[in-house]
Amino acid sequence: AILPSCKVQLPHNIILHIMGGASSHFADTDWDKNDGGLREASETLDGSPPTSEHTILTLKKDNVVNQRDFEVRDDADAFLYGSKGIEGTTKWFDLMDPKGNKLFCVQTDKARAEWIIYSYAPNWADQEASFNGLYAKAQIDITWNKYHGEVHLYAPSEADPKGEVKKEEEPPILKCEEISSLTAQFQSFVPSKQVPVLLDNALHPPLVGWWVWEHTSRRHQLKMHLAKGSDIALHCIVAIVCNMVNVEKQADSTQ
């Protein structure tokens, strides 16, 4: 069935032609009240403090072709993170701190459905390194045909000293959705155990993140909104992964 379409006015003077799929919840989000729930640095992916208030970030890259090399800056232009593609690969990349220290290495297989976030140091006592000499931290599962992804943390396991993802026991720490539009947009939320995760305005969990790509002949960047209590490093990794998946899906659809 063909879904009805409508035009919607969103920030940054972008006119979107909605053609069905996940609806954007940016307009009905109170960014000063929404809360990702994180309070301590120990709760974030890299041990940095979570956002203390509504935060606007910009992920900038040098050209439209490169999908892995970014600078992440806040609205005061402070440099927070950098990412860089790993030579000899087409999808893998590192996330680094402002001094260039490597924090995480993100890798995927040929199917690009599972993206593993590896750290360069053990995440708990006695964690063994994976085959690549790195330590499994989290996993991003991308469901290509349903336009969404979810993030699970690795945890200690008696069965596997490298750790394992326990999806049956622990809910994902973050979910993201692709918004159907002419410009690449995504939104994220923390799943609730009580509220069904449905694409319905009345039941949809409150957003903790929303981002849109802003491409011109001279500017290639992503603008991201995060609610307080959110993990910046995790959202940056998820945004870069979603962008690569989106670009590949667009390339497949034109063949």
Protein backbone atom coordinates (compact mmCIF):
# COMPACT_ATOMS: atom_id res chain seq x y z
CA ALA A 1 0.00 0.00 0.00
CA ILE A 2 1.18 3.52 -0.74
CA LEU A 3 1.24 5.67 2.37
CA PRO A 4 0.05 9.28 2.22
CA SER A 5 2.80 11.86 2.13
CA CYS A 6 3.08 15.32 3.59
CA LYS A 7 5.56 18.15 3.81
CA VAL A 8 6.94 19.06 7.22
CA GLN A 9 8.93 22.11 8.28
CA LEU A 10 11.86 21.14 10.54
CA PRO A 11 14.85 23.01 12.00
CA HIS A 12 17.61 24.47 9.81
CA ASN A 13 15.05 25.44 7.13
CA ILE A 14 14.89 21.89 5.79
CA ILE A 15 11.72 20.86 3.96
CA LEU A 16 11.18 17.11 4.10
CA HIS A 17 8.86 15.04 1.98
CA ILE A 18 7.72 12.25 4.30
CA MET A 19 6.90 9.04 2.46
CA GLY A 20 6.06 6.62 5.28
CA GLY A 21 8.17 4.69 7.76
CA ALA A 22 9.32 5.90 11.16
CA SER A 23 7.84 9.27 12.00
CA SER A 24 10.06 12.03 13.30
CA HIS A 25 9.41 12.94 16.93
CA PHE A 26 11.70 15.97 16.93
CA ALA A 27 8.87 18.50 16.88
CA ASP A 28 7.04 17.00 19.88
CA THR A 29 10.19 16.54 21.97
CA ASP A 30 10.88 18.85 24.91
CA TRP A 31 14.66 18.75 24.81
CA ASP A 32 14.99 20.59 28.12
CA LYS A 33 12.92 17.94 29.92
CA ASN A 34 13.80 14.67 28.18
CA ASP A 35 16.39 12.61 30.00
CA GLY A 36 18.59 9.71 28.88
CA GLY A 37 18.93 8.61 32.49
CA LEU A 38 22.73 8.55 32.77
CA ARG A 39 24.28 10.38 35.71
CA GLU A 40 27.81 9.05 36.22
CA ALA A 41 30.85 8.86 33.96
CA SER A 42 31.03 5.15 34.72
CA GLU A 43 27.75 4.70 32.83
CA THR A 44 29.03 5.96 29.47
CA LEU A 45 30.93 4.02 26.85
CA ASP A 46 34.25 5.85 27.31
CA GLY A 47 33.99 7.01 30.93
CA SER A 48 33.29 10.64 30.05
CA PRO A 49 30.49 12.48 31.88
CA PRO A 50 27.07 12.18 30.22
CA THR A 51 25.42 15.32 28.92
CA SER A 52 24.21 17.57 31.75
CA GLU A 53 21.67 19.43 29.59
CA HIS A 54 20.27 19.59 26.09
CA THR A 55 23.36 19.48 23.89
CA ILE A 56 23.85 20.27 20.20
CA LEU A 57 26.77 18.64 18.40
CA THR A 58 28.20 18.89 14.91
CA LEU A 59 29.99 16.02 13.18
CA LYS A 60 32.02 17.49 10.34
CA LYS A 61 33.87 15.78 7.50
CA ASP A 62 36.02 17.09 4.67
CA ASN A 63 34.10 15.77 1.66
CA VAL A 64 30.94 13.98 0.65
CA VAL A 65 32.73 10.72 -0.26
CA ASN A 66 34.49 10.06 3.03
CA GLN A 67 32.10 8.39 5.47
CA ARG A 68 34.45 7.65 8.40
CA ASP A 69 36.65 10.66 9.18
CA PHE A 70 34.86 13.20 11.38
CA GLU A 71 35.48 15.92 13.91
CA VAL A 72 32.90 16.13 16.68
CA ARG A 73 32.38 19.60 18.18
CA ASP A 74 29.86 21.13 20.55
CA ASP A 75 27.97 24.37 19.97
CA ALA A 76 30.92 26.31 21.48
CA ASP A 77 33.18 24.68 18.83
CA ALA A 78 35.08 22.64 21.44
CA PHE A 79 36.68 19.55 19.91
CA LEU A 80 35.26 16.46 21.67
CA TYR A 81 36.09 13.44 19.52
CA GLY A 82 37.58 12.46 16.19
CA SER A 83 37.04 9.40 14.02
CA LYS A 84 39.28 7.94 11.34
CA GLY A 85 38.89 5.06 8.89
CA ILE A 86 41.28 2.15 9.29
CA GLU A 87 43.57 1.63 6.32
CA GLY A 88 42.96 -1.52 4.34
CA THR A 89 39.25 -1.60 5.23
CA THR A 90 36.15 0.04 3.78
CA LYS A 91 33.98 0.21 6.93
CA TRP A 92 36.12 -0.06 10.05
CA PHE A 93 37.02 3.08 11.99
CA ASP A 94 38.53 4.32 15.26
CA LEU A 95 37.01 6.83 17.66
CA MET A 96 39.62 9.01 19.36
CA ASP A 97 39.72 11.62 22.12
CA PRO A 98 40.81 15.23 21.40
CA LYS A 99 44.48 14.27 21.93
CA GLY A 100 44.29 11.52 19.33
CA ASN A 101 44.26 8.63 21.79
CA LYS A 102 42.31 5.69 20.40
CA LEU A 103 39.23 4.85 22.46
CA PHE A 104 37.32 2.36 20.35
CA CYS A 105 37.67 0.42 17.12
CA VAL A 106 34.40 -0.32 15.31
CA GLN A 107 34.43 -3.37 13.05
CA THR A 108 31.85 -5.25 10.99
CA ASP A 109 31.64 -8.27 8.72
CA LYS A 110 30.60 -8.47 5.07
CA ALA A 111 26.91 -8.58 5.95
CA ARG A 112 27.18 -5.27 7.85
CA ALA A 113 24.38 -6.37 10.18
CA GLU A 114 26.55 -6.62 13.31
CA TRP A 115 28.96 -3.83 14.22
CA ILE A 116 31.23 -4.61 17.16
CA ILE A 117 32.63 -1.78 19.27
CA TYR A 118 36.02 -2.86 20.62
CA SER A 119 37.99 -1.05 23.31
CA TYR A 120 41.77 -0.96 23.49
CA ALA A 121 41.83 -2.10 27.14
CA PRO A 122 39.85 -4.70 29.12
CA ASN A 123 36.38 -3.61 30.19
CA TRP A 124 36.40 -5.74 33.35
CA ALA A 125 38.92 -7.77 35.30
CA ASP A 126 40.14 -10.88 33.49
CA GLN A 127 38.40 -10.09 30.20
CA GLU A 128 40.28 -11.84 27.40
CA ALA A 129 41.04 -10.14 24.12
CA SER A 130 39.23 -11.14 20.94
CA PHE A 131 41.00 -12.56 17.89
CA ASN A 132 42.07 -9.04 16.86
CA GLY A 133 43.77 -8.30 20.18
CA LEU A 134 41.00 -5.88 21.22
CA TYR A 135 38.27 -6.16 23.84
CA ALA A 136 34.56 -6.44 22.97
CA LYS A 137 32.61 -3.55 24.49
CA ALA A 138 29.26 -3.34 22.69
CA GLN A 139 27.41 -4.53 19.62
CA ILE A 140 25.21 -2.57 17.23
CA ASP A 141 22.65 -4.73 15.42
CA ILE A 142 21.29 -3.16 12.23
CA THR A 143 18.04 -4.50 10.77
CA TRP A 144 18.25 -3.29 7.20
CA ASN A 145 14.68 -4.06 6.14
CA LYS A 146 13.10 -2.46 9.22
CA TYR A 147 15.18 0.72 9.29
CA HIS A 148 16.32 0.46 12.88
CA GLY A 149 19.19 -0.66 15.07
CA GLU A 150 19.88 -1.42 18.71
CA VAL A 151 22.92 -1.43 20.97
CA HIS A 152 23.77 -4.12 23.51
CA LEU A 153 26.70 -4.19 25.93
CA TYR A 154 29.04 -7.15 26.33
CA ALA A 155 29.08 -8.60 29.84
CA PRO A 156 31.25 -11.11 31.71
CA SER A 157 30.37 -14.70 30.93
CA GLU A 158 31.38 -18.04 32.38
CA ALA A 159 30.96 -19.58 28.93
CA ASP A 160 33.18 -17.09 27.11
CA PRO A 161 36.06 -15.23 28.81
CA LYS A 162 35.87 -12.59 26.06
CA GLY A 163 32.33 -11.73 27.21
CA GLU A 164 28.98 -12.08 25.52
CA VAL A 165 25.85 -10.11 24.65
CA LYS A 166 22.90 -11.30 26.74
CA LYS A 167 19.94 -10.08 24.70
CA GLU A 168 17.42 -12.34 26.45
CA GLU A 169 18.38 -11.04 29.90
CA GLU A 170 19.20 -7.38 29.27
CA PRO A 171 17.33 -4.89 27.06
CA PRO A 172 19.35 -2.79 24.61
CA ILE A 173 20.88 0.35 26.08
CA LEU A 174 19.87 2.37 23.01
CA LYS A 175 17.67 2.04 19.93
CA CYS A 176 17.81 4.15 16.80
CA GLU A 177 15.40 4.58 13.91
CA GLU A 178 15.81 5.87 10.40
CA ILE A 179 13.23 8.54 9.58
CA SER A 180 11.78 8.23 6.10
CA SER A 181 12.63 11.49 4.34
CA LEU A 182 14.62 12.96 1.47
CA THR A 183 17.39 14.00 3.86
CA ALA A 184 19.05 11.40 6.07
CA GLN A 185 17.56 11.70 9.55
CA PHE A 186 17.67 9.43 12.57
CA GLN A 187 16.36 9.44 16.12
CA SER A 188 17.29 7.46 19.23
CA PHE A 189 15.64 6.47 22.47
CA VAL A 190 16.22 4.32 25.52
CA PRO A 191 13.82 1.35 25.39
CA SER A 192 11.36 1.03 28.25
CA LYS A 193 10.52 -2.33 29.80
CA GLN A 194 6.98 -1.17 30.55
CA VAL A 195 6.01 0.71 27.38
CA PRO A 196 5.76 -1.25 24.10
CA VAL A 197 8.18 0.07 21.49
CA LEU A 198 5.70 0.93 18.75
CA LEU A 199 5.92 3.48 15.97
CA ASP A 200 2.93 5.30 17.37
CA ASN A 201 3.04 8.87 18.63
CA ALA A 202 1.18 8.05 21.84
CA LEU A 203 3.38 5.09 22.77
CA HIS A 204 6.75 6.01 21.34
CA PRO A 205 9.43 6.34 24.06
CA PRO A 206 10.81 9.87 24.57
CA LEU A 207 13.73 10.74 22.31
CA VAL A 208 17.23 11.13 23.69
CA GLY A 209 18.83 11.88 20.31
CA TRP A 210 17.94 13.21 16.85
CA TRP A 211 20.29 14.02 13.99
CA VAL A 212 20.10 15.19 10.40
CA TRP A 213 22.69 15.40 7.63
CA GLU A 214 23.35 18.86 6.19
CA HIS A 215 25.07 18.59 2.82
CA THR A 216 25.90 21.47 0.50
CA SER A 217 28.67 21.93 -2.08
CA ARG A 218 30.93 23.29 0.69
CA ARG A 219 29.57 21.76 3.87
CA HIS A 220 29.35 18.09 4.82
CA GLN A 221 28.17 17.66 8.36
CA LEU A 222 25.66 16.16 10.74
CA LYS A 223 23.75 18.19 13.32
CA MET A 224 22.82 16.23 16.43
CA HIS A 225 20.56 17.03 19.39
CA LEU A 226 21.03 15.07 22.63
CA ALA A 227 18.93 15.20 25.78
CA LYS A 228 20.61 15.44 29.15
CA GLY A 229 21.85 12.17 30.60
CA SER A 230 23.03 10.87 27.22
CA ASP A 231 26.23 9.18 26.05
CA ILE A 232 28.00 11.37 23.48
CA ALA A 233 30.62 8.82 22.35
CA LEU A 234 28.01 6.11 21.82
CA HIS A 235 25.78 8.42 19.80
CA CYS A 236 28.69 9.49 17.62
CA ILE A 237 29.54 5.87 16.84
CA VAL A 238 25.90 5.00 16.13
CA ALA A 239 25.53 8.04 13.86
CA ILE A 240 28.62 7.13 11.80
CA VAL A 241 27.47 3.52 11.46
CA CYS A 242 23.92 4.57 10.48
CA ASN A 243 25.34 6.93 7.88
CA MET A 244 27.43 4.19 6.24
CA VAL A 245 24.46 1.81 6.19
CA ASN A 246 22.22 4.52 4.76
CA VAL A 247 24.71 5.41 2.01
CA GLU A 248 25.04 1.76 1.05
CA LYS A 249 21.26 1.27 0.98
CA GLN A 250 20.91 4.27 -1.32
CA ALA A 251 23.61 2.87 -3.61
CA ASP A 252 21.83 -0.51 -3.73
CA SER A 253 18.49 1.11 -4.57
CA THR A 254 19.95 2.87 -7.63
CA GLN A 255 21.46 -0.26 -9.14
